[in-house]
């Protein structure tokens, strides 16, 4: 046995010597072919990255959060999945421990039961950055929610206790404060001026690894239908951000903060940081929006938002065409209007197409809603809109957010029953899959509409039809129709039947008791 071991050892040594001898005579590969100008550009970019990283470092903090037992992650109607605060959402603590071992050796452990289970205190790690010279630090709401204790650690090792100044779950922005004011605030850029392709750098503490720097570009702007927050207009970036980066700054190459790293897409799903590892799609709250919210939190302890009382709908090319507008027109459609609201007092009506607010173009429902919410209540603003093929302007005065609201929906009701003594007048639009009947005061009351409501009652919807696909249900009221490029009140069954017979497309205004009315465009089945 010993002889075999010696023989094998001799073979290994002789083989290594042979490889070494071969390598000694093998010509070294030539240097990469980069022009002198290219080397200068690469060196300049490297120098820029180094400079930005060094510049922002003193202003970026790691936030250690202790939560009382039972305090869970922020869960809301648009973020229903439970998970582990500031850790990989859906990742079991044991799995995370194995991941730590893989990267940091067999003795690695989640520090102090960081990701929950058994301890009276739960801990998490997030990021933030110095916002001003008064000790305010900007971060995410989901980093500091339900915090029993906050400790901030600066890059120089300084630790400071922090307290929550204010949080805004609707946008996921939070402000905390430390007494230490010796660290510089990050200068603010203008996120509204960012261009797709612009180089950016994300800084934070992914997985507790403090002051980690990653780089990338702005992949997109105004991502407002991600579905994470109630108010959102995200910057999208491919700079690697991971659980623990939450609240850290996204900066440009001038060292100016342009966003707050907040969410990632992983495994095809989007969510607050903590839902998994980086897949190259990250989201940051633009600093223009975040700073407005932060200033409100610092001054008032809450965000003061505004409303005008409109149920908004997207302007589709089909509906624009029905109204006689260019199908490429950008804007939003006025659906229902709250009684005695700012919109009602401004004279707006269902079917109006809003294209401008306060001198700026209106591009989408989320962006318009965000703009209005950030407007000052009690102040006059100009609204530009189209009605009956004409562009018009009016003045609107937003009201405080909590003073304007629609009622809650009451759900669907069974189909209307015909009076045995008198068969109601009906129209069956087979090509659209919709049956309507005349509305009586008794039927209006039965189905939750105003007794003096005008229009036709939906008495039947064919499964799989265009009406079914549009969400129409028995008991709803069709009160308006687009005719001759105008929104007109629906008068009677015969008039509507005559209109529908000639139309390949119908634009209807549908009312559901307790919910905002909406416009629906139906295409004739083929």
Protein backbone atom coordinates (compact mmCIF):
# COMPACT_ATOMS: atom_id res chain seq x y z
CA UNK A 1 0.00 0.00 0.00
CA UNK A 2 2.80 2.40 0.86
CA UNK A 3 4.55 1.58 -2.41
CA UNK A 4 1.38 2.48 -4.34
CA UNK A 5 1.08 5.78 -2.52
CA UNK A 6 4.72 6.60 -3.32
CA UNK A 7 4.21 5.63 -6.94
CA UNK A 8 1.18 7.89 -7.26
CA UNK A 9 3.02 10.76 -5.60
CA UNK A 10 5.93 10.34 -8.00
CA UNK A 11 3.53 10.36 -10.95
CA UNK A 12 1.86 13.57 -9.78
CA UNK A 13 5.20 15.33 -9.20
CA UNK A 14 6.60 14.27 -12.57
CA UNK A 15 3.38 15.36 -14.33
CA UNK A 16 3.49 18.73 -12.61
CA UNK A 17 7.12 19.14 -13.65
CA UNK A 18 6.22 18.31 -17.23
CA UNK A 19 3.40 20.87 -17.26
CA UNK A 20 5.70 23.43 -15.66
CA UNK A 21 8.38 22.79 -18.25
CA UNK A 22 5.83 23.12 -21.07
CA UNK A 23 4.45 26.33 -19.61
CA UNK A 24 7.92 27.84 -19.34
CA UNK A 25 8.43 27.52 -23.08
CA UNK A 26 4.85 28.38 -24.12
CA UNK A 27 4.62 31.97 -25.45
CA UNK A 28 2.58 34.33 -23.30
CA UNK A 29 -0.65 35.66 -24.86
CA UNK A 30 -0.41 39.11 -26.37
CA UNK A 31 -1.95 42.07 -24.52
CA UNK A 32 -5.56 42.88 -25.48
CA UNK A 33 -5.76 45.12 -28.50
CA UNK A 34 -7.04 48.40 -27.12
CA UNK A 35 -6.17 51.68 -28.73
CA UNK A 36 -4.49 54.35 -26.69
CA UNK A 37 -7.68 56.41 -26.95
CA UNK A 38 -9.76 53.46 -25.72
CA UNK A 39 -7.44 52.97 -22.77
CA UNK A 40 -7.85 56.63 -21.88
CA UNK A 41 -11.65 56.36 -21.97
CA UNK A 42 -11.59 53.18 -19.84
CA UNK A 43 -9.22 54.79 -17.36
CA UNK A 44 -11.39 57.92 -17.19
CA UNK A 45 -14.53 55.86 -16.54
CA UNK A 46 -12.76 53.83 -13.87
CA UNK A 47 -11.53 57.03 -12.25
CA UNK A 48 -15.07 58.45 -12.35
CA UNK A 49 -16.52 55.38 -10.63
CA UNK A 50 -13.79 55.49 -7.99
CA UNK A 51 -14.41 59.18 -7.38
CA UNK A 52 -18.19 58.81 -7.04
CA UNK A 53 -17.86 55.81 -4.73
CA UNK A 54 -15.45 57.68 -2.49
CA UNK A 55 -17.60 60.83 -2.55
CA UNK A 56 -20.89 59.19 -1.52
CA UNK A 57 -19.41 56.79 1.03
CA UNK A 58 -19.55 59.11 4.09
CA UNK A 59 -23.25 59.87 3.43
CA UNK A 60 -24.53 56.30 3.09
CA UNK A 61 -25.58 54.37 6.19
CA UNK A 62 -26.45 50.85 7.20
CA UNK A 63 -29.65 50.67 9.26
CA UNK A 64 -29.99 47.88 11.79
CA UNK A 65 -33.58 47.34 12.84
CA UNK A 66 -34.93 45.52 15.87
CA UNK A 67 -38.61 44.62 15.84
CA UNK A 68 -40.71 43.22 18.64
CA UNK A 69 -41.82 39.61 18.35
CA UNK A 70 -44.86 39.34 16.15
CA UNK A 71 -44.08 42.47 14.13
CA UNK A 72 -44.17 41.26 10.55
CA UNK A 73 -43.17 42.74 7.22
CA UNK A 74 -45.20 45.51 5.66
CA UNK A 75 -48.20 43.85 4.09
CA UNK A 76 -50.82 45.78 2.16
CA UNK A 77 -53.44 45.26 -0.50
CA UNK A 78 -50.87 45.67 -3.25
CA UNK A 79 -48.20 43.65 -1.46
CA UNK A 80 -50.11 40.72 0.05
CA UNK A 81 -47.39 38.09 0.26
CA UNK A 82 -45.91 37.57 3.73
CA UNK A 83 -42.15 37.31 4.07
CA UNK A 84 -39.07 38.00 6.14
CA UNK A 85 -38.41 41.71 6.76
CA UNK A 86 -35.40 43.05 4.84
CA UNK A 87 -34.34 39.49 4.02
CA UNK A 88 -34.98 37.37 0.94
CA UNK A 89 -38.75 37.02 0.81
CA UNK A 90 -39.80 33.38 0.74
CA UNK A 91 -36.31 32.16 1.69
CA UNK A 92 -36.30 29.91 4.73
CA UNK A 93 -33.84 30.96 7.48
CA UNK A 94 -32.13 27.56 7.22
CA UNK A 95 -31.72 27.98 3.46
CA UNK A 96 -30.22 31.43 4.03
CA UNK A 97 -27.83 29.97 6.59
CA UNK A 98 -26.70 27.42 4.00
CA UNK A 99 -26.18 30.24 1.51
CA UNK A 100 -24.01 32.08 4.03
CA UNK A 101 -21.93 28.93 4.55
CA UNK A 102 -21.46 28.60 0.81
CA UNK A 103 -19.99 32.06 0.51
CA UNK A 104 -18.41 32.69 3.90
CA UNK A 105 -17.47 29.24 5.24
CA UNK A 106 -18.99 26.69 7.63
CA UNK A 107 -19.03 29.00 10.66
CA UNK A 108 -21.28 31.61 9.07
CA UNK A 109 -24.63 32.18 10.82
CA UNK A 110 -27.46 34.69 10.51
CA UNK A 111 -26.39 37.11 13.20
CA UNK A 112 -28.63 37.29 16.30
CA UNK A 113 -31.42 35.35 14.65
CA UNK A 114 -31.68 38.12 12.09
CA UNK A 115 -34.34 36.45 10.01
CA UNK A 116 -36.73 35.46 12.77
CA UNK A 117 -37.82 32.42 14.75
CA UNK A 118 -37.76 31.91 18.50
CA UNK A 119 -36.20 35.18 19.63
CA UNK A 120 -38.25 37.89 21.39
CA UNK A 121 -36.56 40.34 19.02
CA UNK A 122 -36.34 40.17 15.23
CA UNK A 123 -33.57 41.98 13.40
CA UNK A 124 -33.11 43.19 9.87
CA UNK A 125 -30.72 45.31 7.86
CA UNK A 126 -31.44 48.07 5.38
CA UNK A 127 -29.78 51.16 3.98
CA UNK A 128 -30.27 54.90 3.89
CA UNK A 129 -28.46 58.16 3.20
CA UNK A 130 -28.03 61.53 4.89
CA UNK A 131 -30.71 63.86 3.58
CA UNK A 132 -29.82 67.19 5.18
CA UNK A 133 -27.51 68.82 7.72
CA UNK A 134 -29.99 68.31 10.59
CA UNK A 135 -29.43 64.57 10.90
CA UNK A 136 -32.36 63.43 8.76
CA UNK A 137 -31.82 60.18 6.87
CA UNK A 138 -33.94 59.03 3.95
CA UNK A 139 -34.84 55.35 3.59
CA UNK A 140 -37.78 53.01 2.78
CA UNK A 141 -40.87 52.57 4.90
CA UNK A 142 -40.53 48.79 4.66
CA UNK A 143 -37.07 49.04 6.24
CA UNK A 144 -38.17 50.83 9.43
CA UNK A 145 -41.83 49.89 9.88
CA UNK A 146 -42.74 48.61 13.35
CA UNK A 147 -39.19 49.30 14.56
CA UNK A 148 -38.59 48.96 18.29
CA UNK A 149 -34.98 50.13 17.96
CA UNK A 150 -32.94 51.65 15.12
CA UNK A 151 -29.17 51.85 14.96
CA UNK A 152 -27.40 53.64 12.13
CA UNK A 153 -23.80 52.81 11.18
CA UNK A 154 -21.74 55.19 9.05
CA UNK A 155 -18.85 54.17 6.80
CA UNK A 156 -16.28 55.40 9.34
CA UNK A 157 -17.69 52.99 11.93
CA UNK A 158 -19.66 55.60 13.87
CA UNK A 159 -22.87 54.20 15.34
CA UNK A 160 -25.86 56.31 16.33
CA UNK A 161 -29.33 55.63 17.66
CA UNK A 162 -32.08 56.82 15.35
CA UNK A 163 -35.76 57.61 15.71
CA UNK A 164 -38.51 57.56 13.10
CA UNK A 165 -39.64 61.03 12.03
CA UNK A 166 -42.36 59.90 9.64
CA UNK A 167 -43.31 57.13 7.24
CA UNK A 168 -45.46 56.95 4.13
CA UNK A 169 -46.51 53.36 3.32
CA UNK A 170 -48.33 54.51 0.18
CA UNK A 171 -45.04 55.46 -1.50
CA UNK A 172 -42.65 53.39 0.68
CA UNK A 173 -40.68 56.46 1.79
CA UNK A 174 -39.54 57.07 5.39
CA UNK A 175 -37.43 59.62 7.25
CA UNK A 176 -35.43 58.81 10.39
CA UNK A 177 -33.20 61.10 12.43
CA UNK A 178 -29.90 60.89 14.33
CA UNK A 179 -28.29 63.50 16.57
CA UNK A 180 -24.98 63.13 14.72
CA UNK A 181 -24.84 65.92 12.10
CA UNK A 182 -21.16 65.65 11.23
CA UNK A 183 -21.69 63.52 8.12
CA UNK A 184 -22.44 65.30 4.83
CA UNK A 185 -25.79 65.16 3.08
CA UNK A 186 -25.86 63.78 -0.44
CA UNK A 187 -26.50 66.44 -3.07
CA UNK A 188 -29.77 65.95 -4.92
CA UNK A 189 -30.04 65.55 -8.66
CA UNK A 190 -33.17 65.91 -10.80
CA UNK A 191 -34.68 62.54 -11.56
CA UNK A 192 -37.02 64.16 -14.10
CA UNK A 193 -34.01 64.87 -16.31
CA UNK A 194 -32.65 61.31 -16.32
CA UNK A 195 -32.31 59.64 -19.70
CA UNK A 196 -32.56 55.96 -20.48
CA UNK A 197 -29.00 54.65 -20.81
CA UNK A 198 -27.51 57.07 -18.27
CA UNK A 199 -24.88 55.51 -16.00
CA UNK A 200 -25.81 55.17 -12.33
CA UNK A 201 -24.44 53.61 -9.15
CA UNK A 202 -26.35 51.86 -6.37
CA UNK A 203 -24.93 51.94 -2.85
CA UNK A 204 -26.13 50.03 0.19
CA UNK A 205 -25.79 46.97 2.40
CA UNK A 206 -26.99 43.90 0.48
CA UNK A 207 -27.24 40.90 2.82
CA UNK A 208 -25.65 43.09 5.52
CA UNK A 209 -22.47 43.72 3.47
CA UNK A 210 -22.12 47.41 4.23
CA UNK A 211 -21.29 50.06 1.64
CA UNK A 212 -21.42 47.77 -1.37
CA UNK A 213 -21.27 49.59 -4.71
CA UNK A 214 -22.74 48.33 -7.99
CA UNK A 215 -23.09 50.09 -11.33
CA UNK A 216 -25.46 50.01 -14.27
CA UNK A 217 -27.70 52.21 -16.34
CA UNK A 218 -31.17 53.70 -16.18
CA UNK A 219 -33.19 51.06 -18.01
CA UNK A 220 -36.50 52.95 -17.98
CA UNK A 221 -38.27 55.82 -16.24
CA UNK A 222 -41.83 56.38 -14.95
CA UNK A 223 -42.59 52.73 -14.28
CA UNK A 224 -45.97 53.42 -12.68
CA UNK A 225 -47.80 50.12 -13.06
CA UNK A 226 -45.46 47.81 -11.17
CA UNK A 227 -48.16 47.28 -8.54
CA UNK A 228 -45.98 47.49 -5.42
CA UNK A 229 -47.00 50.84 -3.95
CA UNK A 230 -50.19 52.87 -4.17
CA UNK A 231 -48.20 55.83 -5.49
CA UNK A 232 -45.30 54.88 -7.75
CA UNK A 233 -43.27 56.25 -10.63
CA UNK A 234 -40.18 54.05 -10.46
CA UNK A 235 -36.83 54.41 -12.12
CA UNK A 236 -35.78 51.03 -13.48
CA UNK A 237 -32.09 50.07 -13.37
CA UNK A 238 -29.91 47.05 -14.03
CA UNK A 239 -27.42 48.07 -11.33
CA UNK A 240 -27.36 45.03 -9.02
CA UNK A 241 -29.50 45.65 -5.94
CA UNK A 242 -30.42 42.94 -3.47
CA UNK A 243 -32.12 42.48 -0.08
CA UNK A 244 -30.49 44.99 2.28
CA UNK A 245 -30.03 47.61 -0.46
CA UNK A 246 -33.49 48.94 0.42
CA UNK A 247 -33.36 52.65 1.20
CA UNK A 248 -29.87 53.17 -0.22
CA UNK A 249 -29.18 55.83 -2.82
CA UNK A 250 -29.05 55.50 -6.58
CA UNK A 251 -26.62 58.18 -7.73
CA UNK A 252 -25.45 59.61 -11.05
CA UNK A 253 -21.84 60.13 -12.05
CA UNK A 254 -21.90 63.60 -10.52
CA UNK A 255 -22.44 62.00 -7.11
CA UNK A 256 -26.01 63.31 -6.91
CA UNK A 257 -28.76 61.07 -5.54
CA UNK A 258 -31.45 60.47 -8.17
CA UNK A 259 -33.43 57.71 -6.47
CA UNK A 260 -34.00 55.44 -3.46
CA UNK A 261 -33.41 51.75 -4.16
CA UNK A 262 -36.66 50.06 -3.22
CA UNK A 263 -37.72 46.94 -5.12
CA UNK A 264 -36.57 44.18 -7.43
CA UNK A 265 -37.97 41.66 -9.87
CA UNK A 266 -36.87 38.12 -9.18
CA UNK A 267 -38.13 34.93 -10.72
CA UNK A 268 -40.54 36.97 -12.84
CA UNK A 269 -42.18 38.63 -9.79
CA UNK A 270 -41.80 42.16 -8.55
CA UNK A 271 -41.77 43.10 -4.90
CA UNK A 272 -40.18 45.10 -2.14
CA UNK A 273 -36.53 44.30 -1.51
CA UNK A 274 -36.43 41.00 0.22
CA UNK A 275 -38.30 38.99 -2.39
CA UNK A 276 -35.17 37.25 -3.72
CA UNK A 277 -31.90 37.86 -5.49
CA UNK A 278 -31.15 40.28 -8.30
CA UNK A 279 -32.28 39.43 -11.84
CA UNK A 280 -31.07 42.67 -13.39
CA UNK A 281 -34.38 44.51 -12.91
CA UNK A 282 -34.42 46.88 -9.96
CA UNK A 283 -36.65 49.82 -9.08
CA UNK A 284 -35.82 53.09 -7.34
CA UNK A 285 -38.18 55.82 -6.13
CA UNK A 286 -37.22 59.00 -8.04
CA UNK A 287 -35.70 61.64 -5.81
CA UNK A 288 -38.04 64.37 -7.11
CA UNK A 289 -40.98 62.42 -5.70
CA UNK A 290 -39.16 61.16 -2.60
CA UNK A 291 -37.89 64.59 -1.56
CA UNK A 292 -41.38 66.11 -1.75
CA UNK A 293 -42.65 63.33 0.51
CA UNK A 294 -39.65 63.62 2.83
CA UNK A 295 -40.13 67.37 3.21
CA UNK A 296 -43.79 66.75 4.16
CA UNK A 297 -42.79 64.11 6.71
CA UNK A 298 -40.17 66.39 8.26
CA UNK A 299 -42.44 69.44 8.40
CA UNK A 300 -45.82 67.86 9.20
CA UNK A 301 -45.08 64.28 10.27
CA UNK A 302 -47.28 63.02 7.43
CA UNK A 303 -47.75 63.48 3.69
CA UNK A 304 -50.38 66.02 2.68
CA UNK A 305 -51.93 64.80 -0.57
CA UNK A 306 -54.73 66.20 -2.71
CA UNK A 307 -57.67 64.84 -4.71
CA UNK A 308 -60.02 66.28 -7.31
CA UNK A 309 -62.75 63.60 -7.22
CA UNK A 310 -62.41 61.85 -10.58
CA UNK A 311 -62.50 58.13 -11.31
CA UNK A 312 -59.91 58.02 -14.09
CA UNK A 313 -59.69 55.66 -17.03
CA UNK A 314 -56.97 55.17 -19.63
CA UNK A 315 -57.60 56.69 -23.05
CA UNK A 316 -57.52 53.81 -25.53
CA UNK A 317 -57.08 54.35 -29.28
CA UNK A 318 -60.56 52.83 -29.79
CA UNK A 319 -62.23 55.26 -27.40
CA UNK A 320 -60.27 58.23 -28.80
CA UNK A 321 -61.53 57.27 -32.27
CA UNK A 322 -65.13 57.12 -30.98
CA UNK A 323 -64.73 60.69 -29.72
CA UNK A 324 -63.28 61.88 -33.01
CA UNK A 325 -59.76 62.30 -31.64
CA UNK A 326 -56.50 61.11 -33.11
CA UNK A 327 -56.07 57.49 -31.91
CA UNK A 328 -52.55 58.44 -30.76
CA UNK A 329 -53.82 61.19 -28.45
CA UNK A 330 -52.31 61.00 -24.96
CA UNK A 331 -54.52 61.70 -21.97
CA UNK A 332 -56.95 60.25 -19.44
CA UNK A 333 -60.71 59.82 -19.55
CA UNK A 334 -62.99 61.25 -16.89
CA UNK A 335 -65.17 58.39 -15.66
CA UNK A 336 -67.32 59.02 -12.63
CA UNK A 337 -67.17 62.26 -10.64
CA UNK A 338 -67.70 62.67 -6.89
CA UNK A 339 -70.62 64.98 -6.14
CA UNK A 340 -69.59 68.45 -4.92
CA UNK A 341 -65.94 67.60 -5.55
CA UNK A 342 -63.33 69.93 -7.09
CA UNK A 343 -63.90 68.21 -10.46
CA UNK A 344 -67.66 68.73 -10.22
CA UNK A 345 -67.19 72.41 -9.32
CA UNK A 346 -64.78 72.79 -12.24
CA UNK A 347 -67.53 71.64 -14.61
CA UNK A 348 -65.88 68.43 -15.76
CA UNK A 349 -68.15 65.65 -17.05
CA UNK A 350 -67.84 61.92 -17.73
CA UNK A 351 -66.26 61.39 -21.13
CA UNK A 352 -64.02 64.46 -21.00
CA UNK A 353 -60.44 63.66 -22.06
CA UNK A 354 -57.87 65.47 -19.91
CA UNK A 355 -54.65 66.18 -21.81
CA UNK A 356 -52.97 68.82 -19.64
CA UNK A 357 -52.59 69.80 -15.99
CA UNK A 358 -50.77 72.88 -14.72
CA UNK A 359 -49.01 73.37 -18.04
CA UNK A 360 -47.73 69.79 -18.36
CA UNK A 361 -48.99 67.03 -20.66
CA UNK A 362 -50.96 64.18 -19.14
CA UNK A 363 -49.63 60.82 -20.30
CA UNK A 364 -51.29 58.13 -18.18
CA UNK A 365 -53.70 57.51 -15.32
CA UNK A 366 -50.96 56.70 -12.73
CA UNK A 367 -48.82 59.72 -13.64
CA UNK A 368 -51.81 62.10 -13.59
CA UNK A 369 -52.96 60.70 -10.25
CA UNK A 370 -49.45 61.15 -8.85
CA UNK A 371 -49.27 64.74 -10.13
CA UNK A 372 -52.63 65.68 -8.65
CA UNK A 373 -51.88 64.04 -5.30
CA UNK A 374 -48.68 66.08 -5.01
CA UNK A 375 -50.46 69.35 -5.85
CA UNK A 376 -51.20 71.87 -3.16
CA UNK A 377 -54.75 71.71 -1.83
CA UNK A 378 -56.64 75.01 -2.11
CA UNK A 379 -54.52 76.26 -4.99
CA UNK A 380 -55.86 76.86 -8.51
CA UNK A 381 -54.57 74.77 -11.41
CA UNK A 382 -55.42 74.87 -15.10
CA UNK A 383 -56.79 71.71 -16.71
CA UNK A 384 -56.89 71.22 -20.47
CA UNK A 385 -59.43 68.75 -21.86
CA UNK A 386 -61.40 67.70 -24.94
CA UNK A 387 -65.20 67.62 -25.07
CA UNK A 388 -67.43 67.23 -28.13
CA UNK A 389 -64.41 67.48 -30.41
CA UNK A 390 -63.26 70.81 -28.97
CA UNK A 391 -60.28 71.56 -26.72
CA UNK A 392 -61.27 73.48 -23.60
CA UNK A 393 -59.66 74.82 -20.42
CA UNK A 394 -60.96 75.17 -16.88
CA UNK A 395 -59.61 75.91 -13.42
CA UNK A 396 -59.64 73.27 -10.71
CA UNK A 397 -58.85 73.58 -6.99
CA UNK A 398 -57.72 70.25 -5.43
CA UNK A 399 -59.01 69.39 -1.96
CA UNK A 400 -57.27 67.52 0.88
CA UNK A 401 -57.02 63.81 0.12
CA UNK A 402 -59.21 62.61 2.98
CA UNK A 403 -62.04 65.00 2.12
CA UNK A 404 -62.86 63.45 -1.26
CA UNK A 405 -63.78 59.79 -1.70
CA UNK A 406 -66.03 57.43 -3.61
CA UNK A 407 -68.32 55.01 -1.78
CA UNK A 408 -67.45 51.35 -1.41
CA UNK A 409 -68.80 48.84 -3.97
CA UNK A 410 -71.64 46.57 -2.98
CA UNK A 411 -71.06 43.67 -5.33
CA UNK A 412 -73.23 42.31 -8.13
CA UNK A 413 -76.92 41.55 -7.90
CA UNK A 414 -79.05 38.90 -9.62
CA UNK A 415 -80.52 39.56 -13.04
CA UNK A 416 -83.71 41.62 -13.14
CA UNK A 417 -86.94 39.63 -13.05
CA UNK A 418 -89.65 40.50 -15.49
CA UNK A 419 -93.05 41.54 -14.21
CA UNK A 420 -95.42 38.76 -15.17
CA UNK A 421 -98.19 41.28 -15.90
CA UNK A 422 -96.09 43.41 -18.19
CA UNK A 423 -93.09 42.31 -20.24
CA UNK A 424 -90.42 45.07 -20.10
CA UNK A 425 -89.12 46.60 -23.31
CA UNK A 426 -85.78 44.94 -24.15
CA UNK A 427 -83.01 44.97 -26.72
CA UNK A 428 -80.77 41.99 -27.35
CA UNK A 429 -77.41 42.91 -28.88
CA UNK A 430 -76.33 39.42 -29.86
CA UNK A 431 -73.16 40.53 -31.65
CA UNK A 432 -72.00 42.25 -28.47
CA UNK A 433 -73.38 39.63 -26.07
CA UNK A 434 -75.46 42.18 -24.20
CA UNK A 435 -79.14 42.37 -23.31
CA UNK A 436 -80.63 45.64 -22.02
CA UNK A 437 -84.08 46.59 -20.81
CA UNK A 438 -85.94 49.77 -19.97
CA UNK A 439 -85.36 51.11 -16.47
CA UNK A 440 -88.27 51.74 -14.12
CA UNK A 441 -88.09 53.47 -10.71
CA UNK A 442 -88.85 50.11 -9.10
CA UNK A 443 -85.98 48.34 -10.91
CA UNK A 444 -83.65 51.25 -10.18
CA UNK A 445 -84.38 50.94 -6.47
CA UNK A 446 -84.12 47.14 -6.57
CA UNK A 447 -80.64 47.24 -8.03
CA UNK A 448 -79.26 50.08 -5.93
CA UNK A 449 -79.50 52.93 -8.44
CA UNK A 450 -81.08 56.29 -7.79
CA UNK A 451 -84.87 56.15 -8.17
CA UNK A 452 -84.74 58.88 -10.84
CA UNK A 453 -81.76 57.33 -12.67
CA UNK A 454 -81.86 57.40 -16.49
CA UNK A 455 -80.61 54.75 -18.84
CA UNK A 456 -80.99 51.06 -19.66
CA UNK A 457 -80.54 48.20 -17.21
CA UNK A 458 -78.26 45.29 -18.09
CA UNK A 459 -80.53 42.25 -17.92
CA UNK A 460 -78.21 39.65 -19.41
CA UNK A 461 -74.60 39.06 -20.51
CA UNK A 462 -73.62 36.16 -22.74
CA UNK A 463 -70.62 34.17 -21.41
CA UNK A 464 -67.51 34.59 -23.55
CA UNK A 465 -68.94 37.61 -25.38
CA UNK A 466 -67.35 41.06 -25.80
CA UNK A 467 -69.64 42.35 -23.02
CA UNK A 468 -68.52 39.54 -20.72
CA UNK A 469 -64.84 40.22 -21.50
CA UNK A 470 -65.38 43.89 -20.61
CA UNK A 471 -66.74 42.92 -17.16
CA UNK A 472 -70.37 43.86 -17.68
CA UNK A 473 -72.88 42.22 -15.30
CA UNK A 474 -76.63 42.04 -14.89
CA UNK A 475 -77.95 44.85 -12.72
CA UNK A 476 -75.53 47.48 -14.00
CA UNK A 477 -76.84 50.63 -15.64
CA UNK A 478 -75.83 51.88 -19.10
CA UNK A 479 -76.59 55.60 -18.82
CA UNK A 480 -74.56 57.18 -21.62
CA UNK A 481 -73.33 56.29 -25.08
CA UNK A 482 -70.89 57.93 -27.50
CA UNK A 483 -72.86 58.97 -30.58
CA UNK A 484 -71.74 61.32 -33.35
CA UNK A 485 -68.44 61.73 -31.49
CA UNK A 486 -70.20 63.08 -28.41
CA UNK A 487 -71.08 61.60 -25.04
CA UNK A 488 -74.89 61.57 -24.96
CA UNK A 489 -77.43 60.47 -22.37
CA UNK A 490 -79.08 57.19 -23.28
CA UNK A 491 -82.80 57.84 -23.78
CA UNK A 492 -84.70 54.68 -24.74
CA UNK A 493 -84.41 51.13 -26.01
CA UNK A 494 -85.39 51.84 -29.63
CA UNK A 495 -82.87 54.65 -30.11
CA UNK A 496 -80.10 52.52 -28.68
CA UNK A 497 -81.09 49.52 -30.81
CA UNK A 498 -80.93 51.67 -33.95
CA UNK A 499 -77.47 52.89 -32.99
CA UNK A 500 -76.17 49.41 -32.20
CA UNK A 501 -77.45 47.87 -35.46
CA UNK A 502 -75.20 50.11 -37.53
CA UNK A 503 -72.15 50.06 -35.23
CA UNK A 504 -69.12 47.80 -35.34
CA UNK A 505 -68.04 49.32 -32.04
CA UNK A 506 -69.93 50.74 -29.07
CA UNK A 507 -68.65 53.07 -26.35
CA UNK A 508 -70.88 52.88 -23.27
CA UNK A 509 -70.85 54.49 -19.84
CA UNK A 510 -71.61 51.83 -17.24
CA UNK A 511 -72.65 52.50 -13.64
CA UNK A 512 -72.39 50.00 -10.78
CA UNK A 513 -74.06 50.94 -7.47
CA UNK A 514 -71.52 52.03 -4.90
CA UNK A 515 -68.63 52.13 -7.40
CA UNK A 516 -67.35 54.78 -9.82
CA UNK A 517 -68.88 54.68 -13.29
CA UNK A 518 -66.64 53.80 -16.23
CA UNK A 519 -66.53 53.85 -20.01
CA UNK A 520 -66.46 50.53 -21.84
CA UNK A 521 -65.70 50.00 -25.54
CA UNK A 522 -67.25 46.89 -27.10
CA UNK A 523 -66.28 45.48 -30.50
CA UNK A 524 -68.82 43.41 -32.42
CA UNK A 525 -68.04 39.70 -32.27
CA UNK A 526 -66.77 38.24 -35.53
